Each structure stands twice: as C-alpha cells, then as structure tokens.
Amino acid sequence: MRLRPIDLAREHGLSTQAVRNYEEAGILPPAERSPHGYRVYAPRHAAALRTFLALIPAHGHATAGAIMRAVNGGAAEEALRLIDESHAELAGDRHTLEAVELALRDLAPPRELEPGVTFIGPLARRLDIRPATLRKWERAGLIVPRRDPRTGYRVYTSADVRDVLLAHQLRRGGHGLEQIARVLERVRAAGGPEPLQATLREWRDRLTARGLAMLAGAALLGAYLEPRR
C-alpha cells in the first residue's frame, strides 16, 4: 500500500512538511522514492507516526523522538531504557505528591503557628534541629527570612514558620533539598497549604493522565516493534 505525505498528514491534522521533518529527524523510517523523486510511504510509516504522537503526552516530545529514533535504528534496548527512565520519573513524582499530601495533613494549621515573628534559636528548638540546619535551608532557597534592620537577625514570619515545618516534614521523609524547594514554590504560588489542595488535585490528575498515556503509547510501540523482533 503506497501512501503520500498528505495521507499521513491528514490523519493527524499535520502539514506535509511536518511529516517530512519527522522523517528527516529519524522519527519515521526513510521513505522510498518514486521514479520522479517523490516520497512514497507505507503502512509502517503511518504506524510510526501514530506511535510517536501517542508517546508525546507520555514521555514528552524530545524523549518520544529519541525513542522512535532508537527503534528505527535497531536500538530497541536504548528505547526501553528511555521508557524506563520516564516510568521512574513518574513514580518519583507520585512519591513526592504523596509525601506532600502527608506532610500537609501533619502540618500545624495556621492558627497553631507561633503568632507574629520568631527568631532562629526558638524555631530551631521547636523542631529539635540545629540553627545551622535552618541556615543551610536558607542557602538552598527553601526559606527566605527577612532581616531585622537594627540587629541583622533573621526574622521568621508565620508564613516562614509554615514553610520550615513543611520542609522539616519532607526532609524527615527523605526528600532532597531541591525537591523540597520546588514543593515550597508550589505552596507559595498557591497562597498557602489550603489553596494548594486544588493544585495537588490537578497535579494528581496530570500524573494519572500521563500514566494512561504511557499505557496507550506502550501498546502502539509494542505493535510497531513486533515485526522487528
């Protein structure tokens, strides 16, 4: 069955140039040429394009392209390695989400936080950690307390204390500082732990959608790989 670039393009609402670009990028196998030099595609090219487009929401555009190039180049092991990395990333994101949800449940509500402001010593004693730990978290960008203009001492507001408590919970759960910093950015962007609940639901929905996309992409990739085994 002979297919033209337009035949592949129409199925997915693409331009014929996009199809040609995908071939040149190695995402599609090389096309045969007609006696007049026109590209001639076959069903395997249509299958490759469907597989690639299904892999994008699962693994991202760059990784989906790398997977297809590996498969078309006969490097199935490399394709599987890339897929494994994406699954590990998704599993890590799920673990982080669950840790954040657990930490927020254990976090003292705002009315129980120390009113007004506090300083590094009392805050460190409250958490049974060293002041040096709080300074390390500050250098990592987790907490940014202001400085008293007269004394230069660090001053922690109720919002700072909230972030310290959340960081402390996540650190006890074994999470790294960079990961915790990203979580705290989400908390601040949402306006606090309570508004963050909606963000967490959206986060979970995105992870679920990605997991389902991985299943769909894996089914098409498995079918595409079958003749090559």
Protein backbone atom coordinates (compact mmCIF):
# COMPACT_ATOMS: atom_id res chain seq x y z
CA MET A 1 0.00 0.00 0.00
CA ARG A 2 1.53 3.27 -1.14
CA LEU A 3 0.90 6.40 0.91
CA ARG A 4 1.70 10.02 0.17
CA PRO A 5 2.85 12.57 2.77
CA ILE A 6 -0.60 14.13 2.64
CA ASP A 7 -2.18 10.80 3.56
CA LEU A 8 -0.16 10.63 6.78
CA ALA A 9 -0.63 14.31 7.50
CA ARG A 10 -4.42 14.36 7.16
CA GLU A 11 -4.97 11.63 9.72
CA HIS A 12 -3.44 13.79 12.45
CA GLY A 13 -4.14 17.31 11.22
CA LEU A 14 -0.48 17.88 10.40
CA SER A 15 1.19 19.59 7.49
CA THR A 16 3.04 17.57 4.89
CA GLN A 17 6.16 19.50 5.87
CA ALA A 18 5.80 18.21 9.43
CA VAL A 19 5.69 14.64 8.11
CA ARG A 20 8.82 15.26 6.06
CA ASN A 21 10.52 16.83 9.06
CA TYR A 22 9.72 13.78 11.18
CA GLU A 23 11.25 11.54 8.55
CA GLU A 24 14.38 13.65 8.35
CA ALA A 25 14.63 13.56 12.14
CA GLY A 26 14.57 9.75 12.10
CA ILE A 27 11.18 9.53 13.81
CA LEU A 28 9.81 7.84 10.70
CA PRO A 29 11.81 5.27 8.76
CA PRO A 30 13.33 6.53 5.49
CA ALA A 31 10.75 6.72 2.72
CA GLU A 32 11.16 5.12 -0.66
CA ARG A 33 11.22 7.39 -3.69
CA SER A 34 9.13 7.24 -6.82
CA PRO A 35 10.83 7.38 -10.22
CA HIS A 36 10.13 11.12 -10.14
CA GLY A 37 11.73 11.56 -6.72
CA TYR A 38 8.54 11.86 -4.66
CA ARG A 39 8.38 10.31 -1.20
CA VAL A 40 6.40 7.08 -1.03
CA TYR A 41 5.30 5.93 2.39
CA ALA A 42 3.91 2.58 3.53
CA PRO A 43 1.70 1.46 6.44
CA ARG A 44 4.78 1.14 8.67
CA HIS A 45 5.35 4.89 8.29
CA ALA A 46 1.77 5.58 9.31
CA ALA A 47 2.25 3.28 12.31
CA ALA A 48 5.46 5.08 13.24
CA LEU A 49 3.74 8.45 13.16
CA ARG A 50 0.82 7.20 15.28
CA THR A 51 3.23 5.71 17.77
CA PHE A 52 5.31 8.88 18.02
CA LEU A 53 2.28 11.10 18.55
CA ALA A 54 0.98 8.73 21.23
CA LEU A 55 4.34 8.76 23.01
CA ILE A 56 4.50 12.56 23.27
CA PRO A 57 1.96 13.00 26.12
CA ALA A 58 3.56 10.05 27.91
CA HIS A 59 7.23 10.96 27.64
CA GLY A 60 7.48 14.45 26.17
CA HIS A 61 8.37 15.48 22.63
CA ALA A 62 12.15 15.10 22.93
CA THR A 63 12.06 11.69 24.61
CA ALA A 64 9.35 10.42 22.25
CA GLY A 65 11.56 11.38 19.31
CA ALA A 66 14.58 9.70 20.88
CA ILE A 67 12.58 6.52 21.45
CA MET A 68 11.48 6.39 17.82
CA ARG A 69 14.98 7.09 16.53
CA ALA A 70 16.32 4.27 18.67
CA VAL A 71 13.67 1.85 17.45
CA ASN A 72 14.12 2.79 13.81
CA GLY A 73 17.88 2.48 14.23
CA GLY A 74 17.61 -1.03 15.61
CA ALA A 75 18.50 0.01 19.17
CA ALA A 76 15.46 -1.35 21.00
CA GLU A 77 17.40 -1.57 24.28
CA GLU A 78 18.05 2.17 24.17
CA ALA A 79 14.36 2.82 23.55
CA LEU A 80 13.44 0.64 26.53
CA ARG A 81 15.99 2.46 28.70
CA LEU A 82 14.39 5.80 27.86
CA ILE A 83 10.95 4.40 28.66
CA ASP A 84 12.21 3.02 31.97
CA GLU A 85 13.56 6.47 32.88
CA SER A 86 10.17 8.04 32.19
CA HIS A 87 8.43 5.45 34.36
CA ALA A 88 10.94 6.07 37.15
CA GLU A 89 10.31 9.82 36.86
CA LEU A 90 6.55 9.29 37.07
CA ALA A 91 6.96 7.01 40.09
CA GLY A 92 9.15 9.65 41.75
CA ASP A 93 6.55 12.34 41.08
CA ARG A 94 3.84 10.15 42.61
CA HIS A 95 6.01 9.55 45.67
CA THR A 96 6.63 13.28 46.03
CA LEU A 97 2.93 14.09 45.69
CA GLU A 98 2.02 11.53 48.34
CA ALA A 99 4.74 12.90 50.64
CA VAL A 100 3.45 16.45 50.19
CA GLU A 101 -0.14 15.39 50.91
CA LEU A 102 1.00 13.55 54.04
CA ALA A 103 3.16 16.45 55.18
CA LEU A 104 0.29 18.90 54.72
CA ARG A 105 -2.01 16.69 56.77
CA ASP A 106 0.53 16.67 59.59
CA LEU A 107 1.30 20.36 59.28
CA ALA A 108 0.00 22.53 62.11
CA PRO A 109 -2.84 24.75 60.88
CA PRO A 110 -2.10 28.49 60.72
CA ARG A 111 -3.89 29.28 63.99
CA GLU A 112 -1.45 27.00 65.85
CA LEU A 113 1.64 28.65 64.41
CA GLU A 114 3.54 31.00 66.63
CA PRO A 115 1.92 34.41 66.29
CA GLY A 116 3.89 37.33 64.98
CA VAL A 117 7.53 36.62 64.32
CA THR A 118 10.19 34.37 65.78
CA PHE A 119 13.94 34.01 65.54
CA ILE A 120 16.27 31.23 64.51
CA GLY A 121 17.04 29.95 68.00
CA PRO A 122 13.46 29.42 69.22
CA LEU A 123 12.43 27.98 65.85
CA ALA A 124 15.32 25.52 65.83
CA ARG A 125 14.49 24.44 69.40
CA ARG A 126 10.85 23.95 68.44
CA LEU A 127 11.85 21.50 65.71
CA ASP A 128 14.75 19.98 67.67
CA ILE A 129 17.21 20.84 64.92
CA ARG A 130 20.34 22.97 64.85
CA PRO A 131 20.26 26.61 63.73
CA ALA A 132 22.89 25.62 61.19
CA THR A 133 20.26 23.41 59.51
CA LEU A 134 17.94 26.38 59.07
CA ARG A 135 20.80 28.41 57.64
CA LYS A 136 21.56 25.57 55.20
CA TRP A 137 17.91 25.51 54.12
CA GLU A 138 18.08 29.26 53.60
CA ARG A 139 21.16 28.92 51.37
CA ALA A 140 19.28 26.26 49.38
CA GLY A 141 16.40 28.71 48.84
CA LEU A 142 13.84 26.80 50.91
CA ILE A 143 13.16 29.67 53.31
CA VAL A 144 13.99 33.32 52.90
CA PRO A 145 13.54 35.07 56.25
CA ARG A 146 13.86 38.82 56.34
CA ARG A 147 16.48 40.57 58.45
CA ASP A 148 15.80 42.90 61.32
CA PRO A 149 17.16 46.26 60.08
CA ARG A 150 18.53 47.16 63.53
CA THR A 151 20.12 43.88 64.63
CA GLY A 152 20.54 41.98 61.37
CA TYR A 153 18.93 38.93 62.98
CA ARG A 154 16.85 36.59 60.88
CA VAL A 155 13.13 37.12 61.45
CA TYR A 156 10.69 34.32 60.65
CA THR A 157 7.07 35.25 59.99
CA SER A 158 4.16 32.83 60.37
CA ALA A 159 4.43 32.03 56.66
CA ASP A 160 8.16 31.32 57.08
CA VAL A 161 7.43 29.04 60.04
CA ARG A 162 4.84 27.21 57.94
CA ASP A 163 7.43 26.64 55.21
CA VAL A 164 10.01 25.49 57.75
CA LEU A 165 7.56 22.99 59.23
CA LEU A 166 6.68 21.64 55.79
CA ALA A 167 10.36 21.42 54.84
CA HIS A 168 11.05 19.61 58.10
CA GLN A 169 8.29 17.06 57.40
CA LEU A 170 9.55 16.40 53.88
CA ARG A 171 13.17 16.21 54.98
CA ARG A 172 12.26 13.57 57.53
CA GLY A 173 10.62 11.70 54.66
CA GLY A 174 13.96 11.53 52.88
CA HIS A 175 13.36 14.16 50.20
CA GLY A 176 16.21 16.25 48.83
CA LEU A 177 16.52 20.00 49.23
CA GLU A 178 15.96 20.76 45.53
CA GLN A 179 12.78 18.69 45.54
CA ILE A 180 11.55 20.39 48.72
CA ALA A 181 12.30 23.82 47.23
CA ARG A 182 10.03 23.03 44.29
CA VAL A 183 7.26 21.94 46.66
CA LEU A 184 7.55 25.14 48.68
CA GLU A 185 7.38 27.17 45.49
CA ARG A 186 4.06 25.48 44.78
CA VAL A 187 2.82 26.31 48.28
CA ARG A 188 3.77 29.96 47.92
CA ALA A 189 2.33 30.23 44.41
CA ALA A 190 -0.94 28.72 45.63
CA GLY A 191 -1.10 31.17 48.56
CA GLY A 192 -0.62 28.59 51.31
CA PRO A 193 -1.40 24.95 52.13
CA GLU A 194 -5.18 25.29 51.91
CA PRO A 195 -5.35 26.70 48.35
CA LEU A 196 -2.62 24.20 47.44
CA GLN A 197 -5.14 21.37 47.77
CA ALA A 198 -6.62 22.30 44.40
CA THR A 199 -3.13 22.37 42.91
CA LEU A 200 -2.42 18.92 44.35
CA ARG A 201 -5.61 17.56 42.79
CA GLU A 202 -4.56 18.99 39.44
CA TRP A 203 -1.08 17.52 39.94
CA ARG A 204 -2.57 14.09 40.65
CA ASP A 205 -4.83 14.36 37.60
CA ARG A 206 -1.80 15.16 35.42
CA LEU A 207 0.09 12.16 36.78
CA THR A 208 -2.91 9.93 36.11
CA ALA A 209 -3.23 11.27 32.57
CA ARG A 210 0.47 10.68 31.96
CA GLY A 211 0.23 7.13 33.29
CA LEU A 212 -2.67 6.37 30.98
CA ALA A 213 -0.79 7.94 28.07
CA MET A 214 2.14 5.65 28.83
CA LEU A 215 -0.16 2.64 28.53
CA ALA A 216 -1.57 3.86 25.22
CA GLY A 217 1.88 4.67 23.86
CA ALA A 218 3.28 1.32 25.01
CA ALA A 219 0.53 -0.56 23.17
CA LEU A 220 1.28 1.20 19.88
CA LEU A 221 5.03 0.91 20.36
CA GLY A 222 4.71 -2.81 21.09
CA ALA A 223 2.74 -3.30 17.89
CA TYR A 224 5.26 -1.24 15.94
CA LEU A 225 8.14 -3.30 17.33
CA GLU A 226 6.52 -6.67 16.63
CA PRO A 227 7.68 -7.08 13.01
CA ARG A 228 11.21 -6.10 14.07
CA ARG A 229 11.61 -8.86 16.67
